Amino acid sequence: MKTNTNAVLRCIGGAVSLLVMSVLLASLAGCGNEAARMPSQENFTATTNDYLAQRGHVCLAKYEWPIKVLAGSREPDAQQMPVLEKLGLVTGKDVVVAPKDTAATAQGREYALTDAGRKSYLQVPVVIRTTTENITHPADFCAATLSLDRLVGWDPPQTRDGRTATSLLFTYRIALEPWAATPEAQQAFPLLARAIQREGTMQMRLGVHLTQRGWVADELDAH
C-alpha cells in the first residue's frame, strides 16, 4: 500500500503553519495586553472615557420616590420640588406626613415623578463615599452627563498587597438635560450651577487600578 508522501508533508506543513500562527497570535495578544497595562496618556484617557460613559452623570441625590415634604420645611426638598413641579418633572399632592423620630403627623406634600421626570431618573448605581463606608444607591435623578475634556495627569502608580493603583486628574465637558439649562433649575440646585460654571477648569480625581486587561476605574471594578 503506497503512502502519499506529498499529501502527508502538506498535512504536516499545514499543522506546523497553524501552530506557528497560533503562537504568533498569542504573542501579539500578550503584547497588546502589556501595552494596555502601561501607565500612559493613551491608556488613562481610554480608562477615563470608559468610566464617564458608564458613570459620568451629574445627579441630584434624589434616590427614592415619591418624596414627602413637611409644610413649612426649610429643607432643600421644600425649595426644589416646587421648581421641578413647575418644570413638569414631578407632580405634587397634599398628604399627611409623619416626621422622622416622632409619632406625630403633620400636613405636607408628596411629589412623584411624571413621565417626563422618569426620563431623568436613571437606574445607574451611585456610589457615595464616607469616611467609614461606601454606600451604593441603585438609581438617582440626574441633570447632566460629563465627558472628558482633558487628562491633566496622574500620580505615580503604587503597588501594595499585589494591587497596583493610581489616581488620575482630568477636566470635563458637561451636557445638560433641557430642563437643567433653565435659570430656575440652576438656582434651585446650586451644585449643578457650580458644575456648569467650572466646565473645562475644575479638576476631578479618579481612582484606577491595574487588571489583566488594563487600567480600570475603582468604582467599576471593586473586586
C-alpha atoms as a PDB file:
ATOM      1  CA  MET A   1       0.000   0.000   0.000  1.00  0.00           C
ATOM      2  CA  LYS A   2       1.566   3.281  -1.117  1.00  0.00           C
ATOM      3  CA  THR A   3       1.756   6.306   1.113  1.00  0.00           C
ATOM      4  CA  ASN A   4       1.177   9.667  -0.492  1.00  0.00           C
ATOM      5  CA  THR A   5       4.282  11.367   0.866  1.00  0.00           C
ATOM      6  CA  ASN A   6       3.457  14.750  -0.568  1.00  0.00           C
ATOM      7  CA  ALA A   7      -0.012  14.700   0.962  1.00  0.00           C
ATOM      8  CA  VAL A   8       1.447  13.787   4.372  1.00  0.00           C
ATOM      9  CA  LEU A   9       4.026  16.558   4.109  1.00  0.00           C
ATOM     10  CA  ARG A  10       1.335  19.016   3.103  1.00  0.00           C
ATOM     11  CA  CYS A  11      -0.673  17.987   6.168  1.00  0.00           C
ATOM     12  CA  ILE A  12       2.383  18.263   8.416  1.00  0.00           C
ATOM     13  CA  GLY A  13       3.294  21.596   6.873  1.00  0.00           C
ATOM     14  CA  GLY A  14      -0.262  22.847   7.377  1.00  0.00           C
ATOM     15  CA  ALA A  15      -0.216  21.748  11.013  1.00  0.00           C
ATOM     16  CA  VAL A  16       3.110  23.485  11.583  1.00  0.00           C
ATOM     17  CA  SER A  17       1.815  26.617   9.896  1.00  0.00           C
ATOM     18  CA  LEU A  18      -1.288  26.598  12.087  1.00  0.00           C
ATOM     19  CA  LEU A  19       0.854  26.072  15.185  1.00  0.00           C
ATOM     20  CA  VAL A  20       3.157  28.941  14.263  1.00  0.00           C
ATOM     21  CA  MET A  21       0.184  31.177  13.544  1.00  0.00           C
ATOM     22  CA  SER A  22      -1.405  30.298  16.916  1.00  0.00           C
ATOM     23  CA  VAL A  23       1.817  31.092  18.751  1.00  0.00           C
ATOM     24  CA  LEU A  24       2.173  34.349  16.824  1.00  0.00           C
ATOM     25  CA  LEU A  25      -1.384  35.437  17.604  1.00  0.00           C
ATOM     26  CA  ALA A  26      -0.938  34.566  21.278  1.00  0.00           C
ATOM     27  CA  SER A  27       2.277  36.590  21.357  1.00  0.00           C
ATOM     28  CA  LEU A  28       0.583  39.563  19.710  1.00  0.00           C
ATOM     29  CA  ALA A  29      -2.292  39.342  22.191  1.00  0.00           C
ATOM     30  CA  GLY A  30       0.217  39.298  25.026  1.00  0.00           C
ATOM     31  CA  CYS A  31       1.954  42.348  23.586  1.00  0.00           C
ATOM     32  CA  GLY A  32      -1.417  44.075  23.317  1.00  0.00           C
ATOM     33  CA  ASN A  33      -2.187  43.327  26.957  1.00  0.00           C
ATOM     34  CA  GLU A  34       1.203  44.620  28.039  1.00  0.00           C
ATOM     35  CA  ALA A  35       0.688  47.817  26.058  1.00  0.00           C
ATOM     36  CA  ALA A  36      -2.727  48.308  27.688  1.00  0.00           C
ATOM     37  CA  ARG A  37      -1.148  47.874  31.129  1.00  0.00           C
ATOM     38  CA  MET A  38       1.354  50.696  30.681  1.00  0.00           C
ATOM     39  CA  PRO A  39       0.701  53.941  32.645  1.00  0.00           C
ATOM     40  CA  SER A  40       0.321  56.176  29.612  1.00  0.00           C
ATOM     41  CA  GLN A  41      -1.700  59.157  28.399  1.00  0.00           C
ATOM     42  CA  GLU A  42      -3.454  56.957  25.853  1.00  0.00           C
ATOM     43  CA  ASN A  43      -4.410  54.229  28.328  1.00  0.00           C
ATOM     44  CA  PHE A  44      -5.555  56.590  31.064  1.00  0.00           C
ATOM     45  CA  THR A  45      -7.563  58.622  28.557  1.00  0.00           C
ATOM     46  CA  ALA A  46      -9.353  55.429  27.483  1.00  0.00           C
ATOM     47  CA  THR A  47      -9.953  54.458  31.129  1.00  0.00           C
ATOM     48  CA  THR A  48     -11.437  57.864  31.935  1.00  0.00           C
ATOM     49  CA  ASN A  49     -13.654  57.801  28.839  1.00  0.00           C
ATOM     50  CA  ASP A  50     -14.895  54.335  29.772  1.00  0.00           C
ATOM     51  CA  TYR A  51     -15.701  55.451  33.303  1.00  0.00           C
ATOM     52  CA  LEU A  52     -17.540  58.598  32.209  1.00  0.00           C
ATOM     53  CA  ALA A  53     -19.528  56.652  29.609  1.00  0.00           C
ATOM     54  CA  GLN A  54     -20.890  54.461  32.410  1.00  0.00           C
ATOM     55  CA  ARG A  55     -20.946  56.713  35.461  1.00  0.00           C
ATOM     56  CA  GLY A  56     -20.443  60.279  34.233  1.00  0.00           C
ATOM     57  CA  HIS A  57     -23.859  61.510  35.341  1.00  0.00           C
ATOM     58  CA  VAL A  58     -24.452  64.673  37.343  1.00  0.00           C
ATOM     59  CA  CYS A  59     -27.189  63.614  39.738  1.00  0.00           C
ATOM     60  CA  LEU A  60     -29.128  65.420  42.446  1.00  0.00           C
ATOM     61  CA  ALA A  61     -29.263  62.927  45.339  1.00  0.00           C
ATOM     62  CA  LYS A  62     -32.962  62.158  44.825  1.00  0.00           C
ATOM     63  CA  TYR A  63     -32.629  58.416  45.188  1.00  0.00           C
ATOM     64  CA  GLU A  64     -36.121  57.321  46.207  1.00  0.00           C
ATOM     65  CA  TRP A  65     -39.542  58.484  45.050  1.00  0.00           C
ATOM     66  CA  PRO A  66     -42.120  59.685  45.920  1.00  0.00           C
ATOM     67  CA  ILE A  67     -40.614  62.418  48.102  1.00  0.00           C
ATOM     68  CA  LYS A  68     -42.599  63.853  51.002  1.00  0.00           C
ATOM     69  CA  VAL A  69     -42.081  67.398  52.298  1.00  0.00           C
ATOM     70  CA  LEU A  70     -43.465  68.852  55.537  1.00  0.00           C
ATOM     71  CA  ALA A  71     -45.408  72.089  55.241  1.00  0.00           C
ATOM     72  CA  GLY A  72     -43.164  74.992  56.256  1.00  0.00           C
ATOM     73  CA  SER A  73     -39.994  72.907  55.979  1.00  0.00           C
ATOM     74  CA  ARG A  74     -36.748  74.709  55.191  1.00  0.00           C
ATOM     75  CA  GLU A  75     -35.063  71.581  53.835  1.00  0.00           C
ATOM     76  CA  PRO A  76     -33.735  71.656  50.231  1.00  0.00           C
ATOM     77  CA  ASP A  77     -36.621  69.484  49.002  1.00  0.00           C
ATOM     78  CA  ALA A  78     -39.084  72.181  50.112  1.00  0.00           C
ATOM     79  CA  GLN A  79     -37.493  74.644  47.671  1.00  0.00           C
ATOM     80  CA  GLN A  80     -36.520  72.209  44.930  1.00  0.00           C
ATOM     81  CA  MET A  81     -39.678  70.135  44.492  1.00  0.00           C
ATOM     82  CA  PRO A  82     -41.913  73.107  43.528  1.00  0.00           C
ATOM     83  CA  VAL A  83     -39.348  74.072  40.889  1.00  0.00           C
ATOM     84  CA  LEU A  84     -39.353  70.550  39.437  1.00  0.00           C
ATOM     85  CA  GLU A  85     -43.148  70.629  39.500  1.00  0.00           C
ATOM     86  CA  LYS A  86     -43.172  73.904  37.577  1.00  0.00           C
ATOM     87  CA  LEU A  87     -40.832  72.332  35.013  1.00  0.00           C
ATOM     88  CA  GLY A  88     -43.209  69.398  34.564  1.00  0.00           C
ATOM     89  CA  LEU A  89     -40.907  66.782  36.047  1.00  0.00           C
ATOM     90  CA  VAL A  90     -42.915  65.994  39.182  1.00  0.00           C
ATOM     91  CA  THR A  91     -46.495  66.298  40.325  1.00  0.00           C
ATOM     92  CA  GLY A  92     -47.458  67.100  43.915  1.00  0.00           C
ATOM     93  CA  LYS A  93     -50.440  66.434  46.124  1.00  0.00           C
ATOM     94  CA  ASP A  94     -51.381  67.333  49.708  1.00  0.00           C
ATOM     95  CA  VAL A  95     -50.824  64.494  52.192  1.00  0.00           C
ATOM     96  CA  VAL A  96     -50.386  63.835  55.892  1.00  0.00           C
ATOM     97  CA  VAL A  97     -46.696  63.354  56.697  1.00  0.00           C
ATOM     98  CA  ALA A  98     -45.186  61.566  59.684  1.00  0.00           C
ATOM     99  CA  PRO A  99     -41.940  63.396  60.615  1.00  0.00           C
ATOM    100  CA  LYS A 100     -38.934  61.251  61.413  1.00  0.00           C
ATOM    101  CA  ASP A 101     -38.395  60.080  65.003  1.00  0.00           C
ATOM    102  CA  THR A 102     -41.875  61.057  66.138  1.00  0.00           C
ATOM    103  CA  ALA A 103     -45.340  59.533  66.247  1.00  0.00           C
ATOM    104  CA  ALA A 104     -46.992  62.857  65.406  1.00  0.00           C
ATOM    105  CA  THR A 105     -48.334  63.731  61.959  1.00  0.00           C
ATOM    106  CA  ALA A 106     -48.426  66.984  60.037  1.00  0.00           C
ATOM    107  CA  GLN A 107     -49.568  68.401  56.737  1.00  0.00           C
ATOM    108  CA  GLY A 108     -47.248  68.244  53.776  1.00  0.00           C
ATOM    109  CA  ARG A 109     -46.939  67.437  50.087  1.00  0.00           C
ATOM    110  CA  GLU A 110     -45.911  64.311  48.272  1.00  0.00           C
ATOM    111  CA  TYR A 111     -44.091  64.589  44.958  1.00  0.00           C
ATOM    112  CA  ALA A 112     -43.971  61.836  42.332  1.00  0.00           C
ATOM    113  CA  LEU A 113     -42.174  61.745  39.015  1.00  0.00           C
ATOM    114  CA  THR A 114     -44.117  62.443  35.836  1.00  0.00           C
ATOM    115  CA  ASP A 115     -43.401  60.621  32.572  1.00  0.00           C
ATOM    116  CA  ALA A 116     -41.015  63.453  31.676  1.00  0.00           C
ATOM    117  CA  GLY A 117     -39.337  63.224  35.072  1.00  0.00           C
ATOM    118  CA  ARG A 118     -38.830  59.471  34.828  1.00  0.00           C
ATOM    119  CA  LYS A 119     -36.606  60.033  31.790  1.00  0.00           C
ATOM    120  CA  SER A 120     -34.089  61.700  34.132  1.00  0.00           C
ATOM    121  CA  TYR A 121     -34.371  59.003  36.824  1.00  0.00           C
ATOM    122  CA  LEU A 122     -31.510  56.743  35.803  1.00  0.00           C
ATOM    123  CA  GLN A 123     -31.161  53.162  37.008  1.00  0.00           C
ATOM    124  CA  VAL A 124     -27.390  53.510  37.330  1.00  0.00           C
ATOM    125  CA  PRO A 125     -25.542  52.772  40.600  1.00  0.00           C
ATOM    126  CA  VAL A 126     -24.435  55.855  42.522  1.00  0.00           C
ATOM    127  CA  VAL A 127     -21.591  55.311  45.000  1.00  0.00           C
ATOM    128  CA  ILE A 128     -21.399  57.710  47.958  1.00  0.00           C
ATOM    129  CA  ARG A 129     -18.124  57.508  49.852  1.00  0.00           C
ATOM    130  CA  THR A 130     -17.953  58.396  53.539  1.00  0.00           C
ATOM    131  CA  THR A 131     -15.050  58.180  55.957  1.00  0.00           C
ATOM    132  CA  THR A 132     -16.236  54.758  57.148  1.00  0.00           C
ATOM    133  CA  GLU A 133     -18.036  53.116  54.234  1.00  0.00           C
ATOM    134  CA  ASN A 134     -19.232  53.242  50.630  1.00  0.00           C
ATOM    135  CA  ILE A 135     -22.991  53.477  50.141  1.00  0.00           C
ATOM    136  CA  THR A 136     -24.427  52.439  46.775  1.00  0.00           C
ATOM    137  CA  HIS A 137     -27.815  53.706  45.604  1.00  0.00           C
ATOM    138  CA  PRO A 138     -29.357  51.819  42.657  1.00  0.00           C
ATOM    139  CA  ALA A 139     -30.781  54.943  40.958  1.00  0.00           C
ATOM    140  CA  ASP A 140     -30.798  58.744  41.053  1.00  0.00           C
ATOM    141  CA  PHE A 141     -32.410  61.776  39.435  1.00  0.00           C
ATOM    142  CA  CYS A 142     -29.823  63.205  37.042  1.00  0.00           C
ATOM    143  CA  ALA A 143     -29.476  66.553  35.307  1.00  0.00           C
ATOM    144  CA  ALA A 144     -26.439  66.233  33.030  1.00  0.00           C
ATOM    145  CA  THR A 145     -23.736  63.984  31.646  1.00  0.00           C
ATOM    146  CA  LEU A 146     -19.985  64.544  31.791  1.00  0.00           C
ATOM    147  CA  SER A 147     -17.440  63.727  29.111  1.00  0.00           C
ATOM    148  CA  LEU A 148     -13.664  64.068  29.119  1.00  0.00           C
ATOM    149  CA  ASP A 149     -12.227  67.472  28.329  1.00  0.00           C
ATOM    150  CA  ARG A 150      -8.548  66.806  29.110  1.00  0.00           C
ATOM    151  CA  LEU A 151      -6.479  64.321  31.068  1.00  0.00           C
ATOM    152  CA  VAL A 152      -4.310  66.573  33.229  1.00  0.00           C
ATOM    153  CA  GLY A 153      -2.024  63.925  34.727  1.00  0.00           C
ATOM    154  CA  TRP A 154      -1.689  61.094  37.233  1.00  0.00           C
ATOM    155  CA  ASP A 155       0.156  60.105  40.374  1.00  0.00           C
ATOM    156  CA  PRO A 156       2.998  57.564  40.121  1.00  0.00           C
ATOM    157  CA  PRO A 157       1.399  54.102  40.329  1.00  0.00           C
ATOM    158  CA  GLN A 158       1.967  52.344  43.646  1.00  0.00           C
ATOM    159  CA  THR A 159       1.797  48.590  44.299  1.00  0.00           C
ATOM    160  CA  ARG A 160       0.578  47.381  47.677  1.00  0.00           C
ATOM    161  CA  ASP A 161      -0.512  43.839  48.606  1.00  0.00           C
ATOM    162  CA  GLY A 162      -0.316  42.832  44.945  1.00  0.00           C
ATOM    163  CA  ARG A 163      -2.572  45.659  43.745  1.00  0.00           C
ATOM    164  CA  THR A 164      -1.195  48.435  41.536  1.00  0.00           C
ATOM    165  CA  ALA A 165      -3.184  51.660  41.666  1.00  0.00           C
ATOM    166  CA  THR A 166      -3.019  55.360  40.976  1.00  0.00           C
ATOM    167  CA  SER A 167      -5.334  58.344  40.640  1.00  0.00           C
ATOM    168  CA  LEU A 168      -5.978  60.477  37.581  1.00  0.00           C
ATOM    169  CA  LEU A 169      -6.739  64.168  37.277  1.00  0.00           C
ATOM    170  CA  PHE A 170      -8.992  65.393  34.473  1.00  0.00           C
ATOM    171  CA  THR A 171     -11.261  68.243  33.434  1.00  0.00           C
ATOM    172  CA  TYR A 172     -14.704  67.696  31.932  1.00  0.00           C
ATOM    173  CA  ARG A 173     -17.339  68.880  29.500  1.00  0.00           C
ATOM    174  CA  ILE A 174     -20.979  68.898  30.584  1.00  0.00           C
ATOM    175  CA  ALA A 175     -24.111  68.182  28.524  1.00  0.00           C
ATOM    176  CA  LEU A 176     -27.309  69.331  30.250  1.00  0.00           C
ATOM    177  CA  GLU A 177     -30.799  67.923  30.134  1.00  0.00           C
ATOM    178  CA  PRO A 178     -33.037  70.642  28.603  1.00  0.00           C
ATOM    179  CA  TRP A 179     -34.776  71.358  31.914  1.00  0.00           C
ATOM    180  CA  ALA A 180     -31.419  71.655  33.712  1.00  0.00           C
ATOM    181  CA  ALA A 181     -30.413  74.522  31.417  1.00  0.00           C
ATOM    182  CA  THR A 182     -33.185  76.739  32.820  1.00  0.00           C
ATOM    183  CA  PRO A 183     -32.315  79.512  35.315  1.00  0.00           C
ATOM    184  CA  GLU A 184     -34.931  78.136  37.747  1.00  0.00           C
ATOM    185  CA  ALA A 185     -33.281  74.711  37.900  1.00  0.00           C
ATOM    186  CA  GLN A 186     -29.790  76.126  38.362  1.00  0.00           C
ATOM    187  CA  GLN A 187     -30.972  78.435  41.127  1.00  0.00           C
ATOM    188  CA  ALA A 188     -32.689  75.546  42.914  1.00  0.00           C
ATOM    189  CA  PHE A 189     -29.647  73.269  42.575  1.00  0.00           C
ATOM    190  CA  PRO A 190     -26.516  75.362  43.258  1.00  0.00           C
ATOM    191  CA  LEU A 191     -24.156  72.382  42.957  1.00  0.00           C
ATOM    192  CA  LEU A 192     -25.414  71.865  39.412  1.00  0.00           C
ATOM    193  CA  ALA A 193     -24.836  75.546  38.651  1.00  0.00           C
ATOM    194  CA  ARG A 194     -21.293  75.257  40.045  1.00  0.00           C
ATOM    195  CA  ALA A 195     -20.567  72.212  37.882  1.00  0.00           C
ATOM    196  CA  ILE A 196     -21.697  74.176  34.820  1.00  0.00           C
ATOM    197  CA  GLN A 197     -19.585  77.190  35.722  1.00  0.00           C
ATOM    198  CA  ARG A 198     -16.451  75.069  36.236  1.00  0.00           C
ATOM    199  CA  GLU A 199     -16.699  73.161  32.950  1.00  0.00           C
ATOM    200  CA  GLY A 200     -13.237  72.819  31.426  1.00  0.00           C
ATOM    201  CA  THR A 201     -11.445  74.158  34.505  1.00  0.00           C
ATOM    202  CA  MET A 202     -12.401  72.093  37.559  1.00  0.00           C
ATOM    203  CA  GLN A 203     -10.042  69.159  38.060  1.00  0.00           C
ATOM    204  CA  MET A 204     -11.647  65.887  39.125  1.00  0.00           C
ATOM    205  CA  ARG A 205      -9.839  62.887  40.564  1.00  0.00           C
ATOM    206  CA  LEU A 206     -10.473  59.285  39.541  1.00  0.00           C
ATOM    207  CA  GLY A 207      -9.017  56.270  41.322  1.00  0.00           C
ATOM    208  CA  VAL A 208      -7.945  53.461  38.989  1.00  0.00           C
ATOM    209  CA  HIS A 209      -6.149  50.164  39.356  1.00  0.00           C
ATOM    210  CA  LEU A 210      -4.378  47.677  37.109  1.00  0.00           C
ATOM    211  CA  THR A 211      -6.044  44.449  35.944  1.00  0.00           C
ATOM    212  CA  GLN A 212      -5.043  41.743  33.461  1.00  0.00           C
ATOM    213  CA  ARG A 213      -6.840  43.656  30.697  1.00  0.00           C
ATOM    214  CA  GLY A 214      -5.508  47.093  31.627  1.00  0.00           C
ATOM    215  CA  TRP A 215      -6.457  50.039  33.833  1.00  0.00           C
ATOM    216  CA  VAL A 216      -9.979  50.174  35.273  1.00  0.00           C
ATOM    217  CA  ALA A 217     -11.751  52.745  37.450  1.00  0.00           C
ATOM    218  CA  ASP A 218     -12.064  51.541  41.044  1.00  0.00           C
ATOM    219  CA  GLU A 219     -15.797  52.207  41.049  1.00  0.00           C
ATOM    220  CA  LEU A 220     -16.343  49.925  38.049  1.00  0.00           C
ATOM    221  CA  ASP A 221     -14.326  47.018  39.444  1.00  0.00           C
ATOM    222  CA  ALA A 222     -14.453  46.898  43.234  1.00  0.00           C
ATOM    223  CA  HIS A 223     -13.052  43.378  43.474  1.00  0.00           C
END
